[in-house]
Amino acid sequence: MALRIKEVIKEKNMTVQTLADKMGINRVGLSNHINGNPSVAILEKIAAALEVPIQELFEKEANENINGYIEIGNEIFKVTSLQDMENLLTRYKQPVK
């Protein structure tokens, strides 16, 4: 499973240097961890410094594996992505009374 630490750093509008400073380590050491095979303990420290759950540091599964059909009433819808499912939910969501 691939890491996406660099992406999360960018999403948080940080740099490797600012993250390293926040973690109290040098930039080269952090870069070695990011580009290498960091331990779970290091991943936990990175996640804490970025203020994200550790799961955010890993690549998300591709939506390409979604393939199916949903029947609603007399209609059948082909679903190939999470967006397809969200569109159906939006279309058929009933307001709570």
Protein backbone atom coordinates (compact mmCIF):
# COMPACT_ATOMS: atom_id res chain seq x y z
CA MET A 1 0.00 0.00 0.00
CA ALA A 2 1.48 3.32 -1.08
CA LEU A 3 1.90 6.31 1.20
CA ARG A 4 0.57 9.75 0.40
CA ILE A 5 2.38 11.75 3.07
CA LYS A 6 3.61 14.38 0.60
CA GLU A 7 0.05 14.95 -0.63
CA VAL A 8 -1.25 15.39 2.90
CA ILE A 9 1.56 17.84 3.66
CA LYS A 10 0.50 19.91 0.63
CA GLU A 11 -3.20 19.64 1.57
CA LYS A 12 -2.30 21.09 4.98
CA ASN A 13 -0.41 23.96 3.27
CA MET A 14 2.81 22.85 4.92
CA THR A 15 6.28 21.95 3.75
CA VAL A 16 8.46 19.03 4.77
CA GLN A 17 10.55 21.57 6.70
CA THR A 18 7.58 22.94 8.67
CA LEU A 19 6.40 19.42 9.43
CA ALA A 20 9.90 18.43 10.56
CA ASP A 21 10.06 21.51 12.79
CA LYS A 22 6.67 20.66 14.27
CA MET A 23 7.87 17.10 14.95
CA GLY A 24 11.17 18.29 16.43
CA ILE A 25 13.34 16.44 13.89
CA ASN A 26 15.49 17.59 10.98
CA ARG A 27 14.16 17.83 7.44
CA VAL A 28 16.59 15.25 6.05
CA GLY A 29 15.53 12.70 8.64
CA LEU A 30 11.85 13.29 7.89
CA SER A 31 12.49 13.09 4.14
CA ASN A 32 14.24 9.76 4.64
CA HIS A 33 11.19 8.46 6.50
CA ILE A 34 8.77 9.78 3.87
CA ASN A 35 10.74 8.33 0.96
CA GLY A 36 11.66 5.10 2.73
CA ASN A 37 9.73 2.58 4.74
CA PRO A 38 8.67 4.37 7.94
CA SER A 39 7.73 2.42 11.03
CA VAL A 40 4.25 2.54 12.48
CA ALA A 41 5.59 4.71 15.32
CA ILE A 42 6.92 7.28 12.82
CA LEU A 43 3.68 7.20 10.84
CA GLU A 44 1.76 7.86 14.07
CA LYS A 45 4.02 10.84 14.84
CA ILE A 46 3.61 12.22 11.31
CA ALA A 47 -0.17 11.81 11.49
CA ALA A 48 -0.30 13.52 14.88
CA ALA A 49 1.82 16.43 13.64
CA LEU A 50 -0.41 16.77 10.57
CA GLU A 51 -3.50 16.42 12.80
CA VAL A 52 -5.00 13.67 10.64
CA PRO A 53 -5.94 10.03 11.29
CA ILE A 54 -3.11 7.69 10.32
CA GLN A 55 -5.30 6.24 7.56
CA GLU A 56 -5.02 9.56 5.69
CA LEU A 57 -1.32 8.83 5.10
CA PHE A 58 -2.15 5.86 2.86
CA GLU A 59 -3.36 5.84 -0.74
CA LYS A 60 -7.09 5.56 -0.98
CA GLU A 61 -8.45 2.60 -2.91
CA ALA A 62 -9.40 3.37 -6.46
CA ASN A 63 -13.08 3.55 -7.22
CA GLU A 64 -12.47 1.43 -10.33
CA ASN A 65 -13.49 -1.68 -8.42
CA ILE A 66 -17.11 -0.51 -8.09
CA ASN A 67 -19.38 -2.17 -10.60
CA GLY A 68 -22.98 -3.07 -10.03
CA TYR A 69 -26.64 -2.27 -10.38
CA ILE A 70 -29.10 -0.77 -7.95
CA GLU A 71 -32.82 -1.22 -8.35
CA ILE A 72 -35.04 1.55 -7.01
CA GLY A 73 -38.72 0.99 -7.61
CA ASN A 74 -39.10 0.07 -11.27
CA GLU A 75 -35.77 1.59 -12.30
CA ILE A 76 -32.37 -0.08 -12.51
CA PHE A 77 -29.21 2.05 -12.31
CA LYS A 78 -25.69 0.99 -13.24
CA VAL A 79 -23.18 2.10 -10.61
CA THR A 80 -19.47 2.35 -11.43
CA SER A 81 -18.24 4.91 -8.92
CA LEU A 82 -18.88 6.42 -5.52
CA GLN A 83 -20.12 9.50 -7.36
CA ASP A 84 -22.83 7.39 -9.04
CA MET A 85 -23.99 6.19 -5.63
CA GLU A 86 -23.93 9.72 -4.18
CA ASN A 87 -25.99 10.97 -7.14
CA LEU A 88 -28.61 8.29 -6.50
CA LEU A 89 -28.71 9.09 -2.79
CA THR A 90 -29.18 12.77 -3.54
CA ARG A 91 -31.89 12.04 -6.09
CA TYR A 92 -33.88 9.70 -3.85
CA LYS A 93 -33.18 11.01 -0.37
CA GLN A 94 -36.45 11.78 1.38
CA PRO A 95 -36.56 14.65 3.88
CA VAL A 96 -37.10 13.51 7.44
CA LYS A 97 -40.50 14.66 8.77
